[in-house]
Amino acid sequence: MSQKFANHFASLLDEKNLNLLKQIGKIAEEVGTEVYTVGGFVRDTLLKKNVKDIDFVVVGNGISFAKVVGKRLNSKHVAVYKNFGTAMVGIDDHELEFVGARQESYRGDSRKPLVKPADLMTDLTRRDFTINAMAISLRTNNFFTLIDPFHGRKDLRAKIIRTPLDPKTTFADDPLRIMRAIRFSSQLQFKIEEETRVAITEVSHRLDIISQERITDELLKILAAHKPGKYFHLMEELGILKQFLPEFSALSGVEERNGYSHKDVFTHTLKVLDNITEKTNKPQLRLAALFHDIAKPQTKKFIEGKGWTFHGHEEIGARMAPRIFKRLRLPNEWQKYVQKLTRLHLRPIALAEEVCSDSAYRRLLFQVGDDLEDLLTLCRSDITSRNTQRRKKLLQNFKFV
C-alpha cells in the first residue's frame, strides 16, 4: 500500500518539485536528519494542484537544516525568522519553508503559543485541520510514505473540514482557525463537519483576541472565492459576521406590514455579490457589491398605501463606509472607490428606466470618472428582480446607457 501511494504521489508532481524533494531527502540522509513535507503542499498535491511553495518539518533544528539546504542547492536567498523558528529558502521561483517539529501550548488571553521541540506526530497534532495534518516522508528507506494519523486523506476525498483534536480546544487555542475553516471551505468548496460547526458557534467570541488585520486578511480571501455568497451566509449562521461586520448582518430579515413586504436585503446583497464574481476578481468591486445597500436598515420607511421605501440609502451608505473601512483596516483608496460606487449605484438604473437628457449622462460621466465600467458592472449585477420581463428590459436598456 505504501509503495502504491508513493508511486501515486510521485505521479502528481511536476519534474521540478519531484527533483527538489529527492534532493532535500538526500541532504537530510547525509546530515542524519528526519525531514517531511507537510501541510498545504501535501493537501494541494493530492488535489492535483500545481504548488510552488513547499513546507517542511524537520525533527530537530529547522533553521540550521534550511541553511544547509540553501548552501547545497546554491540558493541566492535564505531568510531566517528566529522569532517563529522558521527559515525560507528560495530556489528559482519556488519557496521552501523549514520549521522544526514542535509542540504548542496556549494561554487564555493570547493566540501566541508557547513552543518547545517535539517529534513529528506531536507536530501534526497541533495543526488546524485534518487535511493539513498529513506528512510525506523524505527518508530514503520509506520515501514518499504518507503519515496520516487523523485520516486527512479520507476527509480530502469526502470534501470535509474537521479538526484533528477536539474542535472547541482547537478553536479556543487559536481562534483565527475559525476564519480559516470558512476560508478553506470557500476555496476548496468543502463542507465543515457538524461537530466542528457547533464548536465554532460556541467559541466564536474568542475572535476578540485576534487582530483586525488578520481577520480582514481571511475575510478578503473568502471574498475572493468563486460565488462567495454562501460563505457569508455561513458566517451569519455561525454568528461570526456580526462580530466584525454588524452593519451587514443587520441586513438580514424581511418585515411585512398591511400586506406589503420588502426583499431580504442580506440575501439580495449576496446574490449581487455572486453575480459580480462572474464578471470580476477585483476585490474593491466585490466590496462595493457588499456595501451598495448597507444603509437600507437605517433608511427603511413604511408609507401607507405604497409600501416600503429606502430613500437616500445610497448617500447614507457612502457616508457609513469610512467608519467601517477604518475598523476593518482596509485601504483608503478602496474606501473612496466603494463610496463612489455606493453613492452612484442607482443612477445608471434610473437612466435605463427613464428618458433622460444628455446633460444627465454627462453629469454621471463626470462624477464616476474612470470607474464607469465598474459602476455599470455593479448595476447589472444589482438587477435581481424575480420579474423576468422587467429584468430583461432593464438589462436591454443598459446597452444604451
Protein backbone atom coordinates (compact mmCIF):
# COMPACT_ATOMS: atom_id res chain seq x y z
CA MET A 1 0.00 0.00 0.00
CA SER A 2 2.77 2.46 0.97
CA GLN A 3 4.65 1.84 -2.30
CA LYS A 4 1.45 2.23 -4.30
CA PHE A 5 0.78 5.56 -2.61
CA ALA A 6 4.41 6.64 -3.10
CA ASN A 7 4.14 5.98 -6.83
CA HIS A 8 0.81 7.82 -6.97
CA PHE A 9 2.17 10.85 -5.12
CA ALA A 10 5.24 10.97 -7.37
CA SER A 11 2.98 10.89 -10.44
CA LEU A 12 1.19 14.04 -9.22
CA LEU A 13 4.39 16.09 -9.01
CA ASP A 14 5.97 18.08 -11.80
CA GLU A 15 9.61 17.40 -12.55
CA LYS A 16 10.87 20.44 -10.62
CA ASN A 17 9.08 19.52 -7.37
CA LEU A 18 9.98 15.85 -7.66
CA ASN A 19 13.68 16.68 -8.07
CA LEU A 20 13.59 19.18 -5.19
CA LEU A 21 12.08 16.62 -2.82
CA LYS A 22 14.59 14.00 -3.86
CA GLN A 23 17.49 16.42 -3.32
CA ILE A 24 16.25 17.51 0.10
CA GLY A 25 15.67 13.89 1.12
CA LYS A 26 19.25 13.07 0.09
CA ILE A 27 20.63 16.05 2.04
CA ALA A 28 18.63 15.01 5.13
CA GLU A 29 20.04 11.48 4.86
CA GLU A 30 23.60 12.79 4.59
CA VAL A 31 23.32 15.02 7.69
CA GLY A 32 21.32 12.47 9.67
CA THR A 33 18.08 14.48 9.94
CA GLU A 34 14.42 13.44 9.59
CA VAL A 35 12.57 15.73 7.16
CA TYR A 36 8.95 15.62 5.97
CA THR A 37 6.93 17.73 3.59
CA VAL A 38 3.65 18.70 5.24
CA GLY A 39 0.50 20.76 5.27
CA GLY A 40 -0.74 22.68 2.26
CA PHE A 41 1.79 21.19 -0.13
CA VAL A 42 0.60 17.64 0.59
CA ARG A 43 -3.06 18.68 0.53
CA ASP A 44 -2.85 20.60 -2.75
CA THR A 45 -0.71 17.99 -4.48
CA LEU A 46 -3.31 15.34 -3.65
CA LEU A 47 -5.92 17.73 -5.08
CA LYS A 48 -3.83 17.77 -8.28
CA LYS A 49 -2.88 21.43 -7.96
CA ASN A 50 0.47 22.78 -9.10
CA VAL A 51 2.27 24.09 -6.00
CA LYS A 52 5.43 26.17 -5.81
CA ASP A 53 5.52 26.81 -2.05
CA ILE A 54 6.66 23.73 -0.13
CA ASP A 55 6.50 23.37 3.66
CA PHE A 56 8.93 21.10 5.51
CA VAL A 57 9.03 19.88 9.09
CA VAL A 58 12.47 18.97 10.44
CA VAL A 59 12.79 16.78 13.53
CA GLY A 60 15.48 18.98 15.03
CA ASN A 61 16.63 22.48 14.12
CA GLY A 62 14.70 23.67 11.09
CA ILE A 63 16.74 26.84 10.63
CA SER A 64 20.10 25.02 10.67
CA PHE A 65 18.86 22.48 8.14
CA ALA A 66 17.46 25.25 5.89
CA LYS A 67 20.92 26.88 5.81
CA VAL A 68 22.47 23.57 4.74
CA VAL A 69 19.84 23.17 2.00
CA GLY A 70 20.39 26.75 0.82
CA LYS A 71 24.13 26.17 0.56
CA ARG A 72 23.88 22.76 -1.15
CA LEU A 73 21.29 23.98 -3.69
CA ASN A 74 23.09 27.29 -4.34
CA SER A 75 20.18 29.40 -3.19
CA LYS A 76 20.65 33.15 -3.52
CA HIS A 77 18.00 33.84 -0.90
CA VAL A 78 17.81 32.31 2.58
CA ALA A 79 15.65 34.28 5.03
CA VAL A 80 15.68 33.38 8.73
CA TYR A 81 12.81 34.26 11.08
CA LYS A 82 14.14 33.43 14.52
CA ASN A 83 11.02 34.61 16.37
CA PHE A 84 9.00 31.99 14.51
CA GLY A 85 11.71 29.34 14.34
CA THR A 86 11.42 29.20 10.56
CA ALA A 87 13.59 29.80 7.53
CA MET A 88 12.71 30.37 3.88
CA VAL A 89 14.90 29.16 1.03
CA GLY A 90 14.31 30.49 -2.47
CA ILE A 91 15.06 28.14 -5.36
CA ASP A 92 14.26 29.82 -8.69
CA ASP A 93 10.50 30.56 -8.49
CA HIS A 94 9.94 28.11 -5.59
CA GLU A 95 9.85 28.98 -1.90
CA LEU A 96 10.80 26.28 0.59
CA GLU A 97 9.86 26.90 4.23
CA PHE A 98 11.53 24.89 7.01
CA VAL A 99 10.47 24.66 10.65
CA GLY A 100 11.43 22.37 13.48
CA ALA A 101 8.82 19.89 14.71
CA ARG A 102 7.22 21.43 17.79
CA GLN A 103 4.62 21.25 20.50
CA GLU A 104 2.43 24.26 21.26
CA SER A 105 0.50 25.33 24.35
CA TYR A 106 -1.65 28.43 24.72
CA ARG A 107 -2.61 30.98 27.36
CA GLY A 108 -6.25 32.04 27.52
CA ASP A 109 -5.56 35.68 26.59
CA SER A 110 -3.36 35.12 23.54
CA ARG A 111 -3.12 33.08 20.35
CA LYS A 112 0.68 33.23 20.55
CA PRO A 113 1.79 29.73 21.60
CA LEU A 114 4.48 28.60 23.99
CA VAL A 115 6.68 26.36 21.88
CA LYS A 116 9.08 23.51 22.59
CA PRO A 117 10.73 20.89 20.32
CA ALA A 118 8.79 17.70 19.63
CA ASP A 119 8.52 14.73 17.28
CA LEU A 120 6.56 14.58 14.03
CA MET A 121 3.37 13.08 15.49
CA THR A 122 3.14 15.82 18.14
CA ASP A 123 3.70 18.43 15.43
CA LEU A 124 0.85 17.05 13.29
CA THR A 125 -1.44 17.06 16.33
CA ARG A 126 -1.10 20.85 16.70
CA ARG A 127 -2.32 21.57 13.17
CA ASP A 128 -5.64 23.21 12.39
CA PHE A 129 -7.47 20.68 10.19
CA THR A 130 -7.06 17.02 9.28
CA ILE A 131 -6.48 17.89 5.62
CA ASN A 132 -3.48 19.97 6.74
CA ALA A 133 -2.18 17.34 9.20
CA MET A 134 -0.66 14.94 6.66
CA ALA A 135 3.06 14.46 6.12
CA ILE A 136 5.15 12.77 3.43
CA SER A 137 8.43 11.15 4.46
CA LEU A 138 11.58 12.08 2.55
CA ARG A 139 13.72 9.39 4.18
CA THR A 140 15.34 7.12 1.60
CA ASN A 141 14.13 3.91 3.28
CA ASN A 142 10.45 4.99 3.14
CA PHE A 143 10.47 7.79 0.57
CA PHE A 144 7.02 9.29 -0.09
CA THR A 145 5.33 7.27 2.65
CA LEU A 146 2.17 9.04 3.84
CA ILE A 147 1.87 9.78 7.58
CA ASP A 148 -1.82 10.47 8.17
CA PRO A 149 -2.80 9.89 11.83
CA PHE A 150 -6.08 11.84 11.60
CA HIS A 151 -7.38 10.44 8.29
CA GLY A 152 -6.88 13.67 6.38
CA ARG A 153 -6.79 11.90 3.03
CA LYS A 154 -10.21 10.39 3.75
CA ASP A 155 -11.58 13.85 4.62
CA LEU A 156 -9.95 15.25 1.49
CA ARG A 157 -11.83 12.71 -0.62
CA ALA A 158 -15.08 13.37 1.28
CA LYS A 159 -14.55 17.16 0.98
CA ILE A 160 -14.83 17.73 4.73
CA ILE A 161 -13.24 20.30 7.05
CA ARG A 162 -12.65 18.92 10.56
CA THR A 163 -10.06 19.37 13.30
CA PRO A 164 -7.54 16.70 14.39
CA LEU A 165 -8.43 17.11 18.07
CA ASP A 166 -11.48 18.36 19.97
CA PRO A 167 -12.66 21.34 17.87
CA LYS A 168 -13.53 23.51 20.88
CA THR A 169 -9.95 23.22 22.10
CA THR A 170 -8.53 23.77 18.61
CA PHE A 171 -10.54 26.98 18.10
CA ALA A 172 -10.15 28.26 21.66
CA ASP A 173 -6.35 27.88 21.41
CA ASP A 174 -6.18 29.83 18.16
CA PRO A 175 -9.50 31.49 17.21
CA LEU A 176 -8.15 32.58 13.82
CA ARG A 177 -8.72 28.95 12.84
CA ILE A 178 -12.45 29.79 12.83
CA MET A 179 -11.89 32.15 9.90
CA ARG A 180 -9.53 29.67 8.28
CA ALA A 181 -12.25 27.00 8.43
CA ILE A 182 -14.60 29.28 6.48
CA ARG A 183 -11.80 30.24 4.10
CA PHE A 184 -10.79 26.65 3.30
CA SER A 185 -14.45 25.77 2.89
CA SER A 186 -14.83 28.60 0.36
CA GLN A 187 -11.59 27.96 -1.53
CA LEU A 188 -11.96 24.18 -1.74
CA GLN A 189 -15.79 24.02 -1.83
CA PHE A 190 -15.64 21.70 1.22
CA LYS A 191 -18.27 21.22 3.92
CA ILE A 192 -17.49 21.97 7.56
CA GLU A 193 -18.22 18.87 9.64
CA GLU A 194 -21.12 19.25 12.10
CA GLU A 195 -19.18 18.95 15.38
CA THR A 196 -16.71 21.49 14.03
CA ARG A 197 -19.59 23.87 13.12
CA VAL A 198 -21.05 23.59 16.62
CA ALA A 199 -17.66 24.35 18.18
CA ILE A 200 -17.32 27.47 16.01
CA THR A 201 -20.62 28.87 17.33
CA GLU A 202 -19.58 28.14 20.92
CA VAL A 203 -16.09 29.62 20.67
CA SER A 204 -16.61 32.47 18.16
CA HIS A 205 -16.45 35.11 20.92
CA ARG A 206 -12.71 34.29 21.15
CA LEU A 207 -12.21 36.12 17.85
CA ASP A 208 -12.00 39.22 20.04
CA ILE A 209 -8.34 38.39 20.82
CA ILE A 210 -7.39 38.30 17.12
CA SER A 211 -6.05 41.44 15.45
CA GLN A 212 -8.42 43.02 12.94
CA GLU A 213 -5.73 42.84 10.25
CA ARG A 214 -5.62 39.02 10.49
CA ILE A 215 -9.42 38.73 10.39
CA THR A 216 -9.65 41.08 7.40
CA ASP A 217 -6.95 39.13 5.59
CA GLU A 218 -9.04 35.95 5.91
CA LEU A 219 -12.22 37.85 5.01
CA LEU A 220 -10.67 39.06 1.74
CA LYS A 221 -9.61 35.51 0.90
CA ILE A 222 -13.21 34.37 1.44
CA LEU A 223 -14.43 37.27 -0.69
CA ALA A 224 -12.06 36.11 -3.47
CA ALA A 225 -13.75 32.69 -3.71
CA HIS A 226 -15.94 31.67 -6.61
CA LYS A 227 -19.51 32.57 -5.59
CA PRO A 228 -18.64 33.62 -2.01
CA GLY A 229 -22.26 34.41 -1.11
CA LYS A 230 -22.93 31.05 0.55
CA TYR A 231 -19.90 31.54 2.82
CA PHE A 232 -21.16 34.92 4.03
CA HIS A 233 -24.45 33.13 4.71
CA LEU A 234 -22.47 30.53 6.63
CA MET A 235 -20.69 33.21 8.70
CA GLU A 236 -24.08 34.69 9.53
CA GLU A 237 -25.49 31.29 10.53
CA LEU A 238 -22.49 30.61 12.77
CA GLY A 239 -22.75 34.01 14.49
CA ILE A 240 -19.38 35.23 13.20
CA LEU A 241 -20.35 38.01 10.81
CA LYS A 242 -21.93 40.27 13.44
CA GLN A 243 -18.63 40.41 15.31
CA PHE A 244 -16.75 42.33 12.62
CA LEU A 245 -19.47 43.36 10.13
CA PRO A 246 -22.58 44.07 12.24
CA GLU A 247 -23.87 46.52 9.62
CA PHE A 248 -24.00 43.75 7.05
CA SER A 249 -25.50 41.25 9.48
CA ALA A 250 -28.26 43.82 10.13
CA LEU A 251 -29.44 43.50 6.51
CA SER A 252 -30.94 40.10 7.26
CA GLY A 253 -34.70 39.67 7.62
CA VAL A 254 -37.98 40.65 5.97
CA GLU A 255 -40.62 42.91 7.52
CA GLU A 256 -44.25 42.79 6.46
CA ARG A 257 -46.98 45.33 7.17
CA ASN A 258 -50.51 45.65 5.82
CA GLY A 259 -49.78 43.15 3.07
CA TYR A 260 -46.57 44.86 1.97
CA SER A 261 -43.16 43.27 2.39
CA HIS A 262 -39.66 44.02 1.12
CA LYS A 263 -37.00 41.66 -0.15
CA ASP A 264 -34.41 40.29 2.29
CA VAL A 265 -31.58 42.76 1.70
CA PHE A 266 -29.00 40.33 3.08
CA THR A 267 -29.94 37.62 0.55
CA HIS A 268 -30.24 40.18 -2.26
CA THR A 269 -26.78 41.59 -1.48
CA LEU A 270 -25.18 38.16 -1.60
CA LYS A 271 -26.92 37.49 -4.90
CA VAL A 272 -25.41 40.72 -6.24
CA LEU A 273 -22.01 39.62 -4.91
CA ASP A 274 -22.28 36.24 -6.63
CA ASN A 275 -23.41 37.95 -9.84
CA ILE A 276 -20.42 40.26 -9.80
CA THR A 277 -17.93 37.45 -9.19
CA GLU A 278 -18.93 36.05 -12.57
CA LYS A 279 -17.53 39.24 -14.11
CA THR A 280 -14.55 40.31 -11.98
CA ASN A 281 -11.91 39.23 -9.48
CA LYS A 282 -11.34 42.84 -8.41
CA PRO A 283 -11.63 42.92 -4.59
CA GLN A 284 -12.74 46.57 -4.48
CA LEU A 285 -15.63 45.86 -6.83
CA ARG A 286 -16.66 42.81 -4.81
CA LEU A 287 -16.60 45.01 -1.69
CA ALA A 288 -18.78 47.56 -3.50
CA ALA A 289 -21.32 44.78 -4.07
CA LEU A 290 -21.33 44.10 -0.32
CA PHE A 291 -21.70 47.78 0.57
CA HIS A 292 -24.12 49.09 -2.04
CA ASP A 293 -27.26 48.61 0.12
CA ILE A 294 -25.57 48.76 3.55
CA ALA A 295 -27.76 51.69 4.71
CA LYS A 296 -31.16 50.21 3.91
CA PRO A 297 -31.93 49.34 7.57
CA GLN A 298 -31.29 52.98 8.58
CA THR A 299 -33.44 54.42 5.77
CA LYS A 300 -36.31 51.92 5.78
CA LYS A 301 -39.72 53.59 6.00
CA PHE A 302 -43.27 52.33 5.54
CA ILE A 303 -45.68 54.55 3.60
CA GLU A 304 -49.34 53.59 3.89
CA GLY A 305 -50.76 52.57 0.54
CA LYS A 306 -47.32 52.47 -1.14
CA GLY A 307 -45.22 50.07 0.89
CA TRP A 308 -41.56 50.18 1.91
CA THR A 309 -39.07 52.81 0.79
CA PHE A 310 -35.32 53.24 1.33
CA HIS A 311 -34.90 56.82 0.13
CA GLY A 312 -31.36 58.11 0.39
CA HIS A 313 -29.77 54.76 1.28
CA GLU A 314 -27.11 55.27 -1.40
CA GLU A 315 -25.90 58.53 0.18
CA ILE A 316 -26.11 57.30 3.78
CA GLY A 317 -24.30 54.11 2.74
CA ALA A 318 -21.47 56.13 1.21
CA ARG A 319 -21.16 58.08 4.48
CA MET A 320 -21.02 54.86 6.50
CA ALA A 321 -18.09 53.46 4.51
CA PRO A 322 -15.20 55.40 6.15
CA ARG A 323 -16.05 54.15 9.66
CA ILE A 324 -16.36 50.53 8.51
CA PHE A 325 -13.24 50.64 6.35
CA LYS A 326 -11.23 52.13 9.21
CA ARG A 327 -12.46 49.39 11.56
CA LEU A 328 -11.59 46.65 9.05
CA ARG A 329 -8.17 48.24 8.33
CA LEU A 330 -8.93 48.40 4.60
CA PRO A 331 -7.01 50.78 2.26
CA ASN A 332 -8.17 54.40 1.96
CA GLU A 333 -8.15 54.25 -1.85
CA TRP A 334 -10.51 51.26 -1.72
CA GLN A 335 -12.77 53.22 0.62
CA LYS A 336 -13.05 56.16 -1.79
CA TYR A 337 -13.79 53.80 -4.67
CA VAL A 338 -16.52 51.94 -2.74
CA GLN A 339 -18.01 55.26 -1.55
CA LYS A 340 -18.25 56.47 -5.12
CA LEU A 341 -19.91 53.32 -6.45
CA THR A 342 -22.29 53.12 -3.47
CA ARG A 343 -23.32 56.74 -3.91
CA LEU A 344 -23.92 56.35 -7.66
CA HIS A 345 -25.24 52.79 -7.93
CA LEU A 346 -28.89 53.82 -8.54
CA ARG A 347 -28.10 56.36 -11.25
CA PRO A 348 -27.48 54.05 -14.23
CA ILE A 349 -30.63 52.07 -13.37
CA ALA A 350 -32.62 55.33 -13.33
CA LEU A 351 -31.12 56.28 -16.70
CA ALA A 352 -32.04 52.86 -18.08
CA GLU A 353 -35.65 53.22 -16.91
CA GLU A 354 -36.30 56.80 -17.96
CA VAL A 355 -35.84 59.12 -20.93
CA CYS A 356 -33.03 61.41 -19.76
CA SER A 357 -31.27 64.43 -21.17
CA ASP A 358 -27.71 64.38 -22.47
CA SER A 359 -26.73 66.54 -19.51
CA ALA A 360 -27.82 63.77 -17.12
CA TYR A 361 -25.47 61.33 -18.86
CA ARG A 362 -22.63 63.88 -18.85
CA ARG A 363 -23.16 64.52 -15.14
CA LEU A 364 -22.83 60.82 -14.38
CA LEU A 365 -19.72 60.51 -16.55
CA PHE A 366 -18.12 63.43 -14.73
CA GLN A 367 -18.91 62.02 -11.29
CA VAL A 368 -17.85 58.42 -11.93
CA GLY A 369 -14.74 59.22 -14.00
CA ASP A 370 -12.59 56.21 -14.92
CA ASP A 371 -14.79 53.82 -12.90
CA LEU A 372 -17.76 53.92 -15.28
CA GLU A 373 -17.39 50.33 -16.47
CA ASP A 374 -17.15 49.10 -12.87
CA LEU A 375 -20.27 51.06 -11.91
CA LEU A 376 -22.19 49.54 -14.83
CA THR A 377 -20.96 46.07 -13.83
CA LEU A 378 -22.25 46.66 -10.30
CA CYS A 379 -25.59 47.91 -11.60
CA ARG A 380 -26.08 44.98 -13.97
CA SER A 381 -25.31 42.64 -11.07
CA ASP A 382 -27.84 44.54 -8.92
CA ILE A 383 -30.70 43.62 -11.23
CA THR A 384 -32.03 40.56 -9.42
CA SER A 385 -35.77 41.10 -9.86
CA ARG A 386 -37.92 37.96 -9.95
CA ASN A 387 -39.96 39.72 -12.64
CA THR A 388 -38.31 38.19 -15.71
CA GLN A 389 -39.73 40.77 -18.13
CA ARG A 390 -38.59 43.73 -16.01
CA ARG A 391 -35.12 42.25 -15.54
CA LYS A 392 -34.82 41.57 -19.27
CA LYS A 393 -35.97 45.11 -20.14
CA LEU A 394 -33.51 46.73 -17.72
CA LEU A 395 -30.59 44.69 -18.99
CA GLN A 396 -31.59 45.52 -22.56
CA ASN A 397 -31.80 49.24 -21.74
CA PHE A 398 -28.30 49.11 -20.24
CA LYS A 399 -26.93 48.74 -23.76
CA PHE A 400 -27.96 52.34 -24.36
CA VAL A 401 -26.59 53.81 -21.13
